[in-house]
Amino acid sequence: MMFISTDIETLLPLFDKLQADTKPMWGNMSAQRMVEHLTDTLKIATGETPFPMEVPEDRIERMVAFLDSDKPMAQNLQVSFAGSAVPLRHAEIELAVDEYIETWLDLEQLYAENPGLKHPHPYYGPLDFQQWNRLHSKHLTHHFTQFGLI
């Protein structure tokens, strides 16, 4: 499967298609909750919002193998760090998109200034920028498909 590029020039037109009232094809996240969830994942990648490991250490190798595969993320996957009941941070979806873009640019700068930096993901363990980028690509593809953007 092909996954979306994470560069801002690719993402902006897709975010522009997303409206506050866009309904998902599965799941119960609102469009704005989805954007804020994508940003939350970026904040895990920068170390700003760390989460404890949720996968036993002996399963991490298989999880990373999935990350490297062409398999898409499963629909209706429930993870403890992505609850739909979390209050929204922003008054409108456009502000949530702005936060995503700002956080993505911060992430790129952090990893550019710190080659070899790794931050842990609760399911995949410590990831470097290339691995985080692969995860974000799969994650964006998953949620942009969910909301009919791609």
N, C-alpha and C. Protein backbone atom coordinates (compact mmCIF):
# COMPACT_ATOMS: atom_id res chain seq x y z
N MET A 1 0.85 -1.19 0.00
CA MET A 1 0.00 0.00 0.00
C MET A 1 0.89 1.24 0.00
N MET A 2 0.44 2.25 -0.70
CA MET A 2 1.14 3.54 -0.70
C MET A 2 0.61 4.40 0.44
N PHE A 3 1.51 5.05 1.14
CA PHE A 3 1.14 5.93 2.24
C PHE A 3 1.45 7.37 1.87
N ILE A 4 0.68 8.29 2.42
CA ILE A 4 0.80 9.70 2.10
C ILE A 4 2.14 10.27 2.56
N SER A 5 2.63 11.23 1.81
CA SER A 5 3.83 11.95 2.20
C SER A 5 3.50 12.87 3.37
N THR A 6 4.47 13.07 4.24
CA THR A 6 4.24 13.90 5.41
C THR A 6 4.61 15.37 5.19
N ASP A 7 5.06 15.72 4.00
CA ASP A 7 5.46 17.12 3.80
C ASP A 7 4.23 18.04 3.81
N ILE A 8 4.43 19.21 4.34
CA ILE A 8 3.34 20.18 4.55
C ILE A 8 2.66 20.53 3.23
N GLU A 9 3.42 20.63 2.13
CA GLU A 9 2.83 21.00 0.84
C GLU A 9 1.81 19.95 0.38
N THR A 10 2.04 18.70 0.73
CA THR A 10 1.08 17.64 0.41
C THR A 10 -0.12 17.68 1.35
N LEU A 11 0.14 17.96 2.61
CA LEU A 11 -0.91 17.88 3.63
C LEU A 11 -1.87 19.07 3.62
N LEU A 12 -1.38 20.26 3.35
CA LEU A 12 -2.25 21.45 3.43
C LEU A 12 -3.51 21.36 2.57
N PRO A 13 -3.42 20.97 1.30
CA PRO A 13 -4.65 20.87 0.50
C PRO A 13 -5.63 19.83 1.07
N LEU A 14 -5.11 18.79 1.70
CA LEU A 14 -5.97 17.77 2.29
C LEU A 14 -6.64 18.30 3.55
N PHE A 15 -5.87 18.98 4.38
CA PHE A 15 -6.47 19.61 5.56
C PHE A 15 -7.52 20.64 5.15
N ASP A 16 -7.28 21.35 4.04
CA ASP A 16 -8.24 22.35 3.56
C ASP A 16 -9.58 21.73 3.18
N LYS A 17 -9.57 20.46 2.77
CA LYS A 17 -10.81 19.77 2.40
C LYS A 17 -11.63 19.36 3.63
N LEU A 18 -10.98 19.33 4.79
CA LEU A 18 -11.62 18.87 6.02
C LEU A 18 -12.45 19.99 6.63
N GLN A 19 -13.70 19.71 6.90
CA GLN A 19 -14.60 20.66 7.54
C GLN A 19 -14.93 20.16 8.95
N ALA A 20 -15.33 21.06 9.82
CA ALA A 20 -15.67 20.69 11.19
C ALA A 20 -16.76 19.62 11.23
N ASP A 21 -17.67 19.65 10.25
CA ASP A 21 -18.78 18.70 10.26
C ASP A 21 -18.53 17.47 9.37
N THR A 22 -17.30 17.30 8.85
CA THR A 22 -16.99 16.11 8.07
C THR A 22 -17.13 14.89 8.97
N LYS A 23 -17.89 13.93 8.52
CA LYS A 23 -18.15 12.70 9.29
C LYS A 23 -17.16 11.61 8.89
N PRO A 24 -16.70 10.84 9.86
CA PRO A 24 -15.80 9.73 9.54
C PRO A 24 -16.56 8.56 8.92
N MET A 25 -15.86 7.77 8.14
CA MET A 25 -16.45 6.57 7.55
C MET A 25 -16.47 5.42 8.57
N TRP A 26 -15.68 5.53 9.61
CA TRP A 26 -15.71 4.60 10.73
C TRP A 26 -15.24 5.35 11.97
N GLY A 27 -15.51 4.79 13.13
CA GLY A 27 -15.07 5.39 14.38
C GLY A 27 -15.96 6.54 14.81
N ASN A 28 -15.61 7.14 15.94
CA ASN A 28 -16.46 8.20 16.50
C ASN A 28 -15.72 9.51 16.75
N MET A 29 -14.51 9.67 16.22
CA MET A 29 -13.80 10.95 16.35
C MET A 29 -14.47 11.99 15.48
N SER A 30 -14.52 13.21 15.98
CA SER A 30 -14.92 14.32 15.13
C SER A 30 -13.71 14.70 14.27
N ALA A 31 -13.94 15.49 13.26
CA ALA A 31 -12.84 15.94 12.39
C ALA A 31 -11.78 16.69 13.21
N GLN A 32 -12.23 17.57 14.07
CA GLN A 32 -11.28 18.33 14.87
C GLN A 32 -10.55 17.43 15.87
N ARG A 33 -11.24 16.49 16.48
CA ARG A 33 -10.59 15.54 17.40
C ARG A 33 -9.49 14.79 16.66
N MET A 34 -9.76 14.40 15.40
CA MET A 34 -8.77 13.67 14.61
C MET A 34 -7.52 14.53 14.39
N VAL A 35 -7.70 15.80 14.04
CA VAL A 35 -6.55 16.68 13.81
C VAL A 35 -5.76 16.85 15.11
N GLU A 36 -6.46 17.06 16.21
CA GLU A 36 -5.77 17.22 17.49
C GLU A 36 -5.07 15.91 17.89
N HIS A 37 -5.66 14.78 17.56
CA HIS A 37 -5.03 13.48 17.82
C HIS A 37 -3.75 13.33 16.99
N LEU A 38 -3.78 13.76 15.74
CA LEU A 38 -2.57 13.72 14.92
C LEU A 38 -1.47 14.57 15.55
N THR A 39 -1.85 15.73 16.07
CA THR A 39 -0.89 16.62 16.74
C THR A 39 -0.37 15.96 18.01
N ASP A 40 -1.25 15.30 18.76
CA ASP A 40 -0.82 14.60 19.97
C ASP A 40 0.28 13.59 19.65
N THR A 41 0.14 12.91 18.52
CA THR A 41 1.14 11.93 18.12
C THR A 41 2.47 12.61 17.81
N LEU A 42 2.41 13.79 17.19
CA LEU A 42 3.64 14.55 16.95
C LEU A 42 4.31 14.92 18.27
N LYS A 43 3.50 15.25 19.26
CA LYS A 43 4.05 15.63 20.56
C LYS A 43 4.67 14.44 21.29
N ILE A 44 4.20 13.24 21.02
CA ILE A 44 4.86 12.04 21.54
C ILE A 44 6.22 11.91 20.85
N ALA A 45 6.25 12.18 19.55
CA ALA A 45 7.49 12.05 18.77
C ALA A 45 8.56 13.04 19.19
N THR A 46 8.16 14.20 19.69
CA THR A 46 9.14 15.20 20.14
C THR A 46 9.56 14.99 21.59
N GLY A 47 8.84 14.13 22.29
CA GLY A 47 9.12 13.92 23.71
C GLY A 47 8.36 14.88 24.60
N GLU A 48 7.59 15.78 24.01
CA GLU A 48 6.82 16.76 24.80
C GLU A 48 5.76 16.07 25.65
N THR A 49 5.14 15.02 25.11
CA THR A 49 4.08 14.30 25.82
C THR A 49 4.43 12.82 25.83
N PRO A 50 5.27 12.39 26.77
CA PRO A 50 5.64 10.98 26.80
C PRO A 50 4.52 10.10 27.36
N PHE A 51 4.47 8.86 26.91
CA PHE A 51 3.52 7.87 27.41
C PHE A 51 4.31 6.62 27.76
N PRO A 52 3.86 5.88 28.76
CA PRO A 52 4.55 4.63 29.11
C PRO A 52 4.34 3.58 28.02
N MET A 53 5.26 2.66 27.95
CA MET A 53 5.14 1.57 27.00
C MET A 53 3.90 0.75 27.32
N GLU A 54 3.17 0.37 26.28
CA GLU A 54 1.97 -0.44 26.44
C GLU A 54 2.13 -1.83 25.84
N VAL A 55 3.25 -2.05 25.20
CA VAL A 55 3.53 -3.33 24.56
C VAL A 55 4.72 -3.96 25.28
N PRO A 56 4.62 -5.24 25.60
CA PRO A 56 5.77 -5.90 26.22
C PRO A 56 7.01 -5.81 25.32
N GLU A 57 8.16 -5.72 25.95
CA GLU A 57 9.40 -5.55 25.20
C GLU A 57 9.62 -6.64 24.16
N ASP A 58 9.17 -7.85 24.44
CA ASP A 58 9.39 -8.94 23.48
C ASP A 58 8.50 -8.84 22.24
N ARG A 59 7.55 -7.90 22.23
CA ARG A 59 6.70 -7.70 21.05
C ARG A 59 7.11 -6.50 20.20
N ILE A 60 8.02 -5.69 20.70
CA ILE A 60 8.41 -4.46 19.99
C ILE A 60 8.99 -4.77 18.61
N GLU A 61 9.80 -5.80 18.52
CA GLU A 61 10.39 -6.15 17.22
C GLU A 61 9.31 -6.43 16.18
N ARG A 62 8.26 -7.14 16.57
CA ARG A 62 7.15 -7.41 15.64
C ARG A 62 6.39 -6.13 15.31
N MET A 63 6.25 -5.24 16.28
CA MET A 63 5.55 -3.98 16.03
C MET A 63 6.34 -3.12 15.03
N VAL A 64 7.64 -3.07 15.19
CA VAL A 64 8.49 -2.31 14.26
C VAL A 64 8.45 -2.95 12.88
N ALA A 65 8.37 -4.27 12.81
CA ALA A 65 8.25 -4.95 11.52
C ALA A 65 6.95 -4.53 10.84
N PHE A 66 5.87 -4.39 11.60
CA PHE A 66 4.61 -3.89 11.03
C PHE A 66 4.80 -2.47 10.52
N LEU A 67 5.47 -1.65 11.30
CA LEU A 67 5.73 -0.26 10.89
C LEU A 67 6.46 -0.22 9.56
N ASP A 68 7.40 -1.11 9.36
CA ASP A 68 8.19 -1.15 8.12
C ASP A 68 7.44 -1.80 6.96
N SER A 69 6.32 -2.45 7.25
CA SER A 69 5.57 -3.16 6.21
C SER A 69 4.68 -2.21 5.42
N ASP A 70 4.06 -2.76 4.38
CA ASP A 70 3.09 -2.01 3.59
C ASP A 70 1.67 -2.21 4.08
N LYS A 71 1.51 -2.82 5.24
CA LYS A 71 0.18 -3.06 5.80
C LYS A 71 -0.37 -1.78 6.41
N PRO A 72 -1.64 -1.45 6.13
CA PRO A 72 -2.25 -0.26 6.72
C PRO A 72 -2.65 -0.50 8.17
N MET A 73 -2.88 0.58 8.88
CA MET A 73 -3.39 0.49 10.25
C MET A 73 -4.83 0.00 10.21
N ALA A 74 -5.21 -0.74 11.23
CA ALA A 74 -6.56 -1.31 11.30
C ALA A 74 -7.59 -0.22 11.62
N GLN A 75 -8.76 -0.38 11.06
CA GLN A 75 -9.87 0.52 11.39
C GLN A 75 -10.35 0.22 12.81
N ASN A 76 -10.89 1.25 13.47
CA ASN A 76 -11.48 1.13 14.80
C ASN A 76 -10.51 0.65 15.87
N LEU A 77 -9.24 0.90 15.67
CA LEU A 77 -8.23 0.55 16.65
C LEU A 77 -8.38 1.46 17.86
N GLN A 78 -8.43 0.91 19.04
CA GLN A 78 -8.56 1.69 20.27
C GLN A 78 -7.22 1.68 21.00
N VAL A 79 -6.70 2.87 21.30
CA VAL A 79 -5.47 2.99 22.07
C VAL A 79 -5.72 3.92 23.25
N SER A 80 -5.08 3.64 24.36
CA SER A 80 -5.36 4.39 25.59
C SER A 80 -5.00 5.87 25.49
N PHE A 81 -4.04 6.21 24.65
CA PHE A 81 -3.57 7.59 24.57
C PHE A 81 -4.30 8.39 23.50
N ALA A 82 -5.43 7.87 23.00
CA ALA A 82 -6.18 8.59 21.95
C ALA A 82 -7.68 8.48 22.20
N GLY A 83 -8.12 8.90 23.35
CA GLY A 83 -9.54 8.80 23.67
C GLY A 83 -10.37 9.87 22.98
N SER A 84 -11.56 9.50 22.54
CA SER A 84 -12.44 10.46 21.88
C SER A 84 -13.12 11.38 22.88
N ALA A 85 -13.04 11.06 24.18
CA ALA A 85 -13.68 11.88 25.20
C ALA A 85 -12.79 13.03 25.70
N VAL A 86 -11.55 13.08 25.20
CA VAL A 86 -10.64 14.15 25.60
C VAL A 86 -11.20 15.49 25.11
N PRO A 87 -11.27 16.50 25.97
CA PRO A 87 -11.79 17.80 25.52
C PRO A 87 -10.95 18.40 24.40
N LEU A 88 -11.61 19.06 23.48
CA LEU A 88 -10.90 19.74 22.39
C LEU A 88 -10.10 20.90 22.94
N ARG A 89 -8.95 21.16 22.37
CA ARG A 89 -8.08 22.26 22.80
C ARG A 89 -8.41 23.58 22.13
N HIS A 90 -9.03 23.51 20.97
CA HIS A 90 -9.21 24.70 20.15
C HIS A 90 -10.69 25.01 19.93
N ALA A 91 -10.97 26.27 19.69
CA ALA A 91 -12.34 26.71 19.45
C ALA A 91 -12.84 26.32 18.06
N GLU A 92 -11.91 26.11 17.13
CA GLU A 92 -12.32 25.75 15.76
C GLU A 92 -11.25 24.90 15.10
N ILE A 93 -11.67 24.18 14.08
CA ILE A 93 -10.79 23.21 13.43
C ILE A 93 -9.58 23.89 12.76
N GLU A 94 -9.75 25.09 12.26
CA GLU A 94 -8.63 25.78 11.61
C GLU A 94 -7.47 26.00 12.59
N LEU A 95 -7.80 26.30 13.84
CA LEU A 95 -6.76 26.47 14.86
C LEU A 95 -6.07 25.15 15.17
N ALA A 96 -6.83 24.05 15.12
CA ALA A 96 -6.24 22.72 15.33
C ALA A 96 -5.27 22.39 14.20
N VAL A 97 -5.63 22.73 12.97
CA VAL A 97 -4.74 22.50 11.82
C VAL A 97 -3.48 23.36 11.96
N ASP A 98 -3.65 24.61 12.38
CA ASP A 98 -2.48 25.48 12.60
C ASP A 98 -1.54 24.87 13.63
N GLU A 99 -2.10 24.32 14.71
CA GLU A 99 -1.27 23.69 15.73
C GLU A 99 -0.53 22.48 15.15
N TYR A 100 -1.21 21.69 14.33
CA TYR A 100 -0.56 20.53 13.70
C TYR A 100 0.66 21.00 12.89
N ILE A 101 0.46 21.99 12.05
CA ILE A 101 1.54 22.47 11.17
C ILE A 101 2.71 22.99 12.01
N GLU A 102 2.40 23.78 13.01
CA GLU A 102 3.44 24.34 13.88
C GLU A 102 4.21 23.23 14.59
N THR A 103 3.49 22.24 15.07
CA THR A 103 4.13 21.12 15.78
C THR A 103 4.97 20.28 14.83
N TRP A 104 4.47 20.07 13.59
CA TRP A 104 5.26 19.33 12.60
C TRP A 104 6.57 20.04 12.30
N LEU A 105 6.51 21.35 12.12
CA LEU A 105 7.72 22.12 11.83
C LEU A 105 8.69 22.05 13.01
N ASP A 106 8.17 22.10 14.23
CA ASP A 106 9.01 21.94 15.43
C ASP A 106 9.67 20.57 15.46
N LEU A 107 8.91 19.53 15.10
CA LEU A 107 9.44 18.17 15.07
C LEU A 107 10.57 18.05 14.06
N GLU A 108 10.36 18.57 12.86
CA GLU A 108 11.41 18.52 11.84
C GLU A 108 12.68 19.22 12.32
N GLN A 109 12.52 20.38 12.93
CA GLN A 109 13.67 21.13 13.41
C GLN A 109 14.39 20.38 14.53
N LEU A 110 13.65 19.83 15.46
CA LEU A 110 14.23 19.09 16.58
C LEU A 110 15.11 17.94 16.08
N TYR A 111 14.57 17.15 15.15
CA TYR A 111 15.33 15.99 14.66
C TYR A 111 16.48 16.42 13.74
N ALA A 112 16.32 17.53 13.01
CA ALA A 112 17.42 18.04 12.17
C ALA A 112 18.59 18.50 13.04
N GLU A 113 18.27 19.11 14.18
CA GLU A 113 19.31 19.61 15.08
C GLU A 113 19.89 18.52 15.97
N ASN A 114 19.24 17.36 16.03
CA ASN A 114 19.66 16.28 16.91
C ASN A 114 19.66 14.95 16.16
N PRO A 115 20.59 14.79 15.21
CA PRO A 115 20.64 13.52 14.46
C PRO A 115 20.81 12.35 15.44
N GLY A 116 20.10 11.30 15.17
CA GLY A 116 20.19 10.13 16.04
C GLY A 116 19.24 10.16 17.23
N LEU A 117 18.53 11.27 17.41
CA LEU A 117 17.58 11.39 18.52
C LEU A 117 16.49 10.34 18.37
N LYS A 118 16.09 9.75 19.49
CA LYS A 118 14.99 8.79 19.51
C LYS A 118 14.05 9.15 20.65
N HIS A 119 12.77 9.04 20.38
CA HIS A 119 11.75 9.17 21.42
C HIS A 119 10.84 7.96 21.33
N PRO A 120 10.40 7.45 22.48
CA PRO A 120 9.60 6.22 22.47
C PRO A 120 8.13 6.45 22.12
N HIS A 121 7.60 5.50 21.37
CA HIS A 121 6.16 5.40 21.11
C HIS A 121 5.65 4.28 22.00
N PRO A 122 4.43 4.43 22.57
CA PRO A 122 3.92 3.41 23.50
C PRO A 122 3.78 2.01 22.91
N TYR A 123 3.71 1.88 21.56
CA TYR A 123 3.56 0.56 20.94
C TYR A 123 4.81 0.12 20.18
N TYR A 124 5.64 1.06 19.74
CA TYR A 124 6.76 0.73 18.87
C TYR A 124 8.12 0.90 19.53
N GLY A 125 8.15 1.43 20.73
CA GLY A 125 9.42 1.65 21.41
C GLY A 125 10.14 2.87 20.87
N PRO A 126 11.44 3.00 21.17
CA PRO A 126 12.21 4.17 20.72
C PRO A 126 12.31 4.22 19.20
N LEU A 127 11.92 5.37 18.64
CA LEU A 127 11.95 5.56 17.19
C LEU A 127 12.82 6.76 16.84
N ASP A 128 13.57 6.64 15.75
CA ASP A 128 14.31 7.79 15.23
C ASP A 128 13.41 8.56 14.26
N PHE A 129 13.93 9.63 13.68
CA PHE A 129 13.10 10.47 12.81
C PHE A 129 12.54 9.69 11.63
N GLN A 130 13.36 8.87 11.00
CA GLN A 130 12.90 8.10 9.84
C GLN A 130 11.74 7.18 10.23
N GLN A 131 11.86 6.54 11.37
CA GLN A 131 10.79 5.64 11.84
C GLN A 131 9.54 6.43 12.23
N TRP A 132 9.73 7.55 12.91
CA TRP A 132 8.57 8.39 13.25
C TRP A 132 7.89 8.88 11.98
N ASN A 133 8.68 9.25 10.98
CA ASN A 133 8.11 9.74 9.72
C ASN A 133 7.28 8.63 9.07
N ARG A 134 7.77 7.41 9.10
CA ARG A 134 7.02 6.27 8.55
C ARG A 134 5.71 6.09 9.32
N LEU A 135 5.79 6.18 10.64
CA LEU A 135 4.58 6.05 11.47
C LEU A 135 3.58 7.16 11.15
N HIS A 136 4.07 8.41 11.05
CA HIS A 136 3.16 9.52 10.73
C HIS A 136 2.54 9.34 9.36
N SER A 137 3.31 8.83 8.41
CA SER A 137 2.78 8.60 7.07
C SER A 137 1.64 7.58 7.11
N LYS A 138 1.85 6.48 7.81
CA LYS A 138 0.79 5.47 7.95
C LYS A 138 -0.41 6.04 8.70
N HIS A 139 -0.12 6.80 9.75
CA HIS A 139 -1.16 7.37 10.60
C HIS A 139 -2.01 8.39 9.84
N LEU A 140 -1.35 9.26 9.10
CA LEU A 140 -2.08 10.24 8.28
C LEU A 140 -2.92 9.54 7.23
N THR A 141 -2.36 8.53 6.57
CA THR A 141 -3.12 7.78 5.57
C THR A 141 -4.36 7.15 6.20
N HIS A 142 -4.19 6.58 7.37
CA HIS A 142 -5.30 5.95 8.10
C HIS A 142 -6.43 6.96 8.38
N HIS A 143 -6.08 8.09 8.96
CA HIS A 143 -7.11 9.06 9.35
C HIS A 143 -7.64 9.86 8.15
N PHE A 144 -6.81 10.15 7.17
CA PHE A 144 -7.30 10.86 5.99
C PHE A 144 -8.23 9.97 5.18
N THR A 145 -7.99 8.67 5.19
CA THR A 145 -8.92 7.73 4.57
C THR A 145 -10.21 7.68 5.38
N GLN A 146 -10.08 7.64 6.69
CA GLN A 146 -11.25 7.61 7.58
C GLN A 146 -12.20 8.77 7.29
N PHE A 147 -11.64 9.93 6.98
CA PHE A 147 -12.48 11.12 6.75
C PHE A 147 -12.66 11.44 5.26
N GLY A 148 -12.31 10.49 4.40
CA GLY A 148 -12.57 10.65 2.98
C GLY A 148 -11.75 11.73 2.29
N LEU A 149 -10.59 12.05 2.85
CA LEU A 149 -9.73 13.09 2.26
C LEU A 149 -8.83 12.53 1.17
N ILE A 150 -8.59 11.23 1.21
CA ILE A 150 -7.78 10.56 0.17
C ILE A 150 -8.50 9.28 -0.22
